[in-house]
Amino acid sequence: MSEDTPTQPPPPPAKKWINWQQAGVLADRYMETILADWAITLLLLLQAPLLAGMAVVVWGNIGEANSNLYFVMTLSCLWLGCIDSCREIVKERALFLRERMFNLEIGAYLVSKLRVLLLLNVVQVVAYALIIDANLDVRVHTVWLIVNLLMTTLCGTCLGLLISAASKRSDYAVGVVPLVILPQILFSEVAINKDDFEGYSEIAYTLMPSRWGFEGLKELARTEPEYLDAVGMMFPLLGFSLLFLLIAWPLLRFQRY
């Protein structure tokens, strides 16, 4: 080939779904923010042992778990995840919109939030599960108990991020949390027998994340649990988590000052 032959420019790099380097930088900055706001972080961490302690007091006279306790555990972890994350996007809306003008990627932004919040979830769930397991006969192996509750808390965290992405103010976001928790109670086996759900109520019952965490705990508590069935009930929780993040993405994409 002669020296005069023009060289072809290199092809542009393939577009990635998530800029992991940017996500890492954002996660480090978010972690510093969480640690700096130690009063709120401490309050969030204290929720888990407080909720676990109240469950121990209520079920202490019985000494062992029943289906109502499993539902309370599921609902508590859904609450923990949701309340952890419901303010984490809306409170820095102005910063997010400014950085969007300088190539901030929404996927990296959401991953950075989830990465740090997941660490908070792990601490909360481990504390919650160990306190209850130490004081009550839960009839579920500790590792399986933590895994199930962690999946439920993760789902709540992603729901909280969706609420935060859709809210205009932090107080609005916090106010919405009870409104998404209440249907988990109404459309549950605690309200009526699951065979009595029909039509739209049956659809709503199926779409409640609490249903799948609750069903998973009940399966794990059986004398001879089917672990594959229990794991299968965690997949809807994972699916809901991804769906909440996918809905949050366009909400953030089209936000303006």
Protein backbone atom coordinates (compact mmCIF):
# COMPACT_ATOMS: atom_id res chain seq x y z
CA MET A 1 0.00 0.00 0.00
CA SER A 2 1.43 3.42 -0.98
CA GLU A 3 2.03 6.15 1.51
CA ASP A 4 -0.52 8.36 -0.31
CA THR A 5 -3.38 5.95 0.31
CA PRO A 6 -5.73 7.51 2.87
CA THR A 7 -6.29 5.49 6.01
CA GLN A 8 -9.78 4.69 7.20
CA PRO A 9 -10.76 6.27 10.51
CA PRO A 10 -11.31 3.78 13.32
CA PRO A 11 -14.93 2.79 13.86
CA PRO A 12 -16.70 4.60 16.70
CA PRO A 13 -16.84 2.65 19.96
CA ALA A 14 -19.94 0.58 20.48
CA LYS A 15 -22.62 2.31 22.49
CA LYS A 16 -22.99 0.74 25.94
CA TRP A 17 -26.25 0.48 27.79
CA ILE A 18 -24.53 1.67 30.97
CA ASN A 19 -21.33 3.64 31.40
CA TRP A 20 -19.91 1.62 34.30
CA GLN A 21 -17.00 4.00 34.86
CA GLN A 22 -19.38 6.92 35.25
CA ALA A 23 -21.63 4.79 37.47
CA GLY A 24 -18.66 4.05 39.73
CA VAL A 25 -17.73 7.73 40.06
CA LEU A 26 -21.34 8.66 40.80
CA ALA A 27 -21.65 5.85 43.35
CA ASP A 28 -18.52 7.03 45.18
CA ARG A 29 -19.90 10.56 45.33
CA TYR A 30 -23.29 9.31 46.50
CA MET A 31 -21.66 7.20 49.21
CA GLU A 32 -19.83 10.28 50.49
CA THR A 33 -23.14 12.14 50.60
CA ILE A 34 -24.82 9.31 52.52
CA LEU A 35 -22.02 9.16 55.07
CA ALA A 36 -21.95 12.94 55.46
CA ASP A 37 -25.68 13.00 56.24
CA TRP A 38 -25.08 10.64 59.15
CA ALA A 39 -28.23 11.59 61.11
CA ILE A 40 -30.61 10.48 58.33
CA THR A 41 -28.49 7.41 57.58
CA LEU A 42 -28.52 6.41 61.26
CA LEU A 43 -32.29 6.86 61.37
CA LEU A 44 -32.69 4.59 58.34
CA LEU A 45 -30.43 1.96 59.87
CA LEU A 46 -32.34 2.04 63.16
CA GLN A 47 -35.64 1.29 61.44
CA ALA A 48 -34.74 -2.36 60.85
CA PRO A 49 -33.97 -3.33 64.47
CA LEU A 50 -36.95 -1.30 65.69
CA LEU A 51 -39.33 -3.08 63.33
CA ALA A 52 -37.79 -6.43 64.20
CA GLY A 53 -38.04 -5.68 67.92
CA MET A 54 -41.74 -4.83 67.62
CA ALA A 55 -42.36 -8.09 65.75
CA VAL A 56 -40.55 -10.01 68.51
CA VAL A 57 -42.71 -8.31 71.17
CA VAL A 58 -45.93 -9.13 69.31
CA TRP A 59 -45.07 -12.75 68.53
CA GLY A 60 -42.97 -13.37 71.62
CA ASN A 61 -45.82 -15.01 73.55
CA ILE A 62 -46.33 -17.46 70.71
CA GLY A 63 -42.62 -18.15 70.35
CA GLU A 64 -42.84 -19.27 66.74
CA ALA A 65 -43.70 -17.84 63.37
CA ASN A 66 -47.02 -18.04 61.59
CA SER A 67 -48.30 -16.75 58.27
CA ASN A 68 -49.13 -13.34 59.75
CA LEU A 69 -45.53 -12.88 60.87
CA TYR A 70 -44.26 -13.83 57.42
CA PHE A 71 -46.51 -11.18 55.89
CA VAL A 72 -45.37 -8.55 58.41
CA MET A 73 -41.74 -9.40 57.65
CA THR A 74 -42.37 -9.07 53.92
CA LEU A 75 -44.23 -5.78 54.29
CA SER A 76 -41.59 -4.39 56.67
CA CYS A 77 -38.79 -5.07 54.20
CA LEU A 78 -40.78 -3.59 51.33
CA TRP A 79 -41.26 -0.49 53.48
CA LEU A 80 -37.56 -0.31 54.36
CA GLY A 81 -36.48 -0.38 50.74
CA CYS A 82 -39.11 2.12 49.63
CA ILE A 83 -38.49 4.66 52.39
CA ASP A 84 -34.71 4.37 51.90
CA SER A 85 -34.86 5.49 48.29
CA CYS A 86 -37.98 7.62 47.84
CA ARG A 87 -36.12 10.94 48.32
CA GLU A 88 -32.80 10.08 46.73
CA ILE A 89 -33.47 11.42 43.23
CA VAL A 90 -35.93 14.23 43.83
CA LYS A 91 -33.80 15.88 46.52
CA GLU A 92 -31.01 16.50 44.01
CA ARG A 93 -33.17 17.30 41.00
CA ALA A 94 -31.40 20.57 40.19
CA LEU A 95 -27.96 18.92 40.32
CA PHE A 96 -29.19 16.05 38.12
CA LEU A 97 -30.58 18.42 35.48
CA ARG A 98 -27.37 20.47 35.39
CA GLU A 99 -25.21 17.37 34.98
CA ARG A 100 -27.52 16.04 32.28
CA MET A 101 -26.27 18.97 30.15
CA PHE A 102 -22.72 17.64 30.59
CA ASN A 103 -23.21 14.06 29.41
CA LEU A 104 -24.60 12.44 32.56
CA GLU A 105 -26.05 9.07 31.55
CA ILE A 106 -29.34 8.11 33.18
CA GLY A 107 -28.49 4.40 33.28
CA ALA A 108 -25.24 5.11 35.13
CA TYR A 109 -27.08 7.48 37.46
CA LEU A 110 -29.70 4.88 38.41
CA VAL A 111 -27.09 2.15 38.83
CA SER A 112 -25.04 4.38 41.14
CA LYS A 113 -28.08 4.95 43.34
CA LEU A 114 -28.96 1.27 43.41
CA ARG A 115 -25.39 0.21 44.15
CA VAL A 116 -25.16 2.29 47.32
CA LEU A 117 -28.73 1.66 48.45
CA LEU A 118 -28.20 -2.08 48.05
CA LEU A 119 -25.42 -1.90 50.64
CA LEU A 120 -27.84 -0.16 52.99
CA ASN A 121 -30.44 -2.84 52.22
CA VAL A 122 -28.01 -5.62 53.12
CA VAL A 123 -27.21 -4.08 56.51
CA GLN A 124 -30.88 -3.54 57.28
CA VAL A 125 -32.04 -6.99 56.18
CA VAL A 126 -29.26 -8.84 58.02
CA ALA A 127 -30.04 -6.95 61.23
CA TYR A 128 -33.78 -7.49 60.82
CA ALA A 129 -33.51 -11.20 60.02
CA LEU A 130 -30.98 -12.00 62.76
CA ILE A 131 -33.01 -10.27 65.49
CA ILE A 132 -36.18 -12.13 64.57
CA ASP A 133 -34.40 -15.44 64.00
CA ALA A 134 -32.67 -15.19 67.39
CA ASN A 135 -35.91 -14.62 69.29
CA LEU A 136 -38.56 -16.54 67.34
CA ASP A 137 -38.81 -19.95 65.76
CA VAL A 138 -39.06 -18.73 62.18
CA ARG A 139 -38.66 -22.26 60.73
CA VAL A 140 -36.66 -20.83 57.82
CA HIS A 141 -32.91 -21.28 57.48
CA THR A 142 -31.18 -17.97 58.25
CA VAL A 143 -29.46 -17.73 54.84
CA TRP A 144 -32.70 -18.35 52.95
CA LEU A 145 -34.50 -15.89 55.21
CA ILE A 146 -31.96 -13.16 54.42
CA VAL A 147 -32.03 -13.90 50.67
CA ASN A 148 -35.82 -13.77 50.50
CA LEU A 149 -36.11 -10.57 52.53
CA LEU A 150 -33.27 -8.95 50.60
CA MET A 151 -35.06 -9.56 47.30
CA THR A 152 -38.20 -7.99 48.76
CA THR A 153 -36.22 -4.99 50.05
CA LEU A 154 -34.52 -4.58 46.66
CA CYS A 155 -37.94 -4.46 45.02
CA GLY A 156 -39.02 -1.80 47.50
CA THR A 157 -35.85 0.19 46.80
CA CYS A 158 -36.50 0.21 43.05
CA LEU A 159 -40.12 1.21 43.68
CA GLY A 160 -38.85 4.06 45.86
CA LEU A 161 -36.52 5.23 43.08
CA LEU A 162 -39.46 5.25 40.68
CA ILE A 163 -41.49 7.32 43.14
CA SER A 164 -38.54 9.70 43.55
CA ALA A 165 -38.12 10.05 39.79
CA ALA A 166 -41.82 10.88 39.38
CA SER A 167 -42.07 13.33 42.30
CA LYS A 168 -41.54 17.08 42.20
CA ARG A 169 -40.72 17.48 45.90
CA SER A 170 -39.24 15.28 48.62
CA ASP A 171 -42.27 15.61 50.88
CA TYR A 172 -44.52 14.46 48.03
CA ALA A 173 -42.35 11.38 47.55
CA VAL A 174 -42.45 10.46 51.24
CA GLY A 175 -46.22 10.96 51.25
CA VAL A 176 -46.68 8.55 48.34
CA VAL A 177 -44.95 5.67 50.12
CA PRO A 178 -47.89 4.78 52.41
CA LEU A 179 -50.16 4.93 49.35
CA VAL A 180 -48.16 2.18 47.62
CA ILE A 181 -47.80 0.13 50.81
CA LEU A 182 -51.51 0.10 51.70
CA PRO A 183 -52.58 -1.85 48.55
CA GLN A 184 -50.05 -4.53 49.52
CA ILE A 185 -52.26 -5.14 52.57
CA LEU A 186 -55.64 -4.80 50.86
CA PHE A 187 -54.76 -7.17 48.01
CA SER A 188 -53.26 -9.90 50.16
CA GLU A 189 -54.16 -13.16 51.86
CA VAL A 190 -54.24 -11.27 55.15
CA ALA A 191 -57.31 -9.33 53.92
CA ILE A 192 -59.24 -12.22 52.32
CA ASN A 193 -58.59 -15.76 51.17
CA LYS A 194 -56.61 -15.78 47.93
CA ASP A 195 -59.27 -17.97 46.29
CA ASP A 196 -61.76 -15.11 46.73
CA PHE A 197 -59.84 -12.78 44.42
CA GLU A 198 -61.54 -12.59 41.04
CA GLY A 199 -61.38 -10.36 37.99
CA TYR A 200 -59.57 -7.08 38.55
CA SER A 201 -58.88 -7.86 42.19
CA GLU A 202 -57.10 -11.06 41.15
CA ILE A 203 -54.95 -9.11 38.69
CA ALA A 204 -54.11 -6.58 41.41
CA TYR A 205 -53.30 -9.42 43.82
CA THR A 206 -50.91 -10.93 41.28
CA LEU A 207 -49.20 -7.57 40.70
CA MET A 208 -48.46 -6.95 44.38
CA PRO A 209 -44.74 -7.50 45.12
CA SER A 210 -45.64 -8.43 48.70
CA ARG A 211 -47.49 -11.49 47.42
CA TRP A 212 -44.34 -13.08 46.01
CA GLY A 213 -42.12 -12.38 49.00
CA PHE A 214 -44.84 -13.72 51.30
CA GLU A 215 -45.39 -16.86 49.22
CA GLY A 216 -41.65 -17.47 49.15
CA LEU A 217 -41.37 -17.27 52.93
CA LYS A 218 -44.28 -19.66 53.40
CA GLU A 219 -42.68 -22.17 51.05
CA LEU A 220 -39.33 -21.93 52.82
CA ALA A 221 -41.07 -22.49 56.17
CA ARG A 222 -42.56 -25.84 55.13
CA THR A 223 -41.26 -29.01 56.77
CA GLU A 224 -39.88 -30.12 53.39
CA PRO A 225 -39.63 -26.93 51.34
CA GLU A 226 -39.32 -26.95 47.57
CA TYR A 227 -36.38 -24.62 47.18
CA LEU A 228 -36.80 -24.32 43.42
CA ASP A 229 -40.36 -23.08 43.97
CA ALA A 230 -39.13 -20.62 46.58
CA VAL A 231 -36.45 -19.30 44.22
CA GLY A 232 -39.04 -19.10 41.45
CA MET A 233 -41.12 -16.79 43.59
CA MET A 234 -38.15 -14.44 43.85
CA PHE A 235 -38.05 -13.93 40.07
CA PRO A 236 -41.24 -11.79 40.03
CA LEU A 237 -39.60 -9.58 42.65
CA LEU A 238 -36.57 -9.22 40.40
CA GLY A 239 -38.86 -8.56 37.43
CA PHE A 240 -40.74 -5.85 39.31
CA SER A 241 -37.41 -4.26 40.31
CA LEU A 242 -36.26 -4.06 36.68
CA LEU A 243 -39.66 -2.79 35.56
CA PHE A 244 -39.61 0.04 38.11
CA LEU A 245 -36.16 1.11 36.93
CA LEU A 246 -37.20 0.91 33.27
CA ILE A 247 -40.17 3.19 33.99
CA ALA A 248 -37.96 5.59 35.95
CA TRP A 249 -35.54 5.90 33.00
CA PRO A 250 -37.88 7.80 30.60
CA LEU A 251 -39.25 9.87 33.48
CA LEU A 252 -35.73 11.13 34.12
CA ARG A 253 -34.90 11.33 30.42
CA PHE A 254 -37.59 13.91 29.67
CA GLN A 255 -37.30 16.03 32.77
CA ARG A 256 -36.59 19.71 32.29
CA TYR A 257 -36.10 22.75 34.50
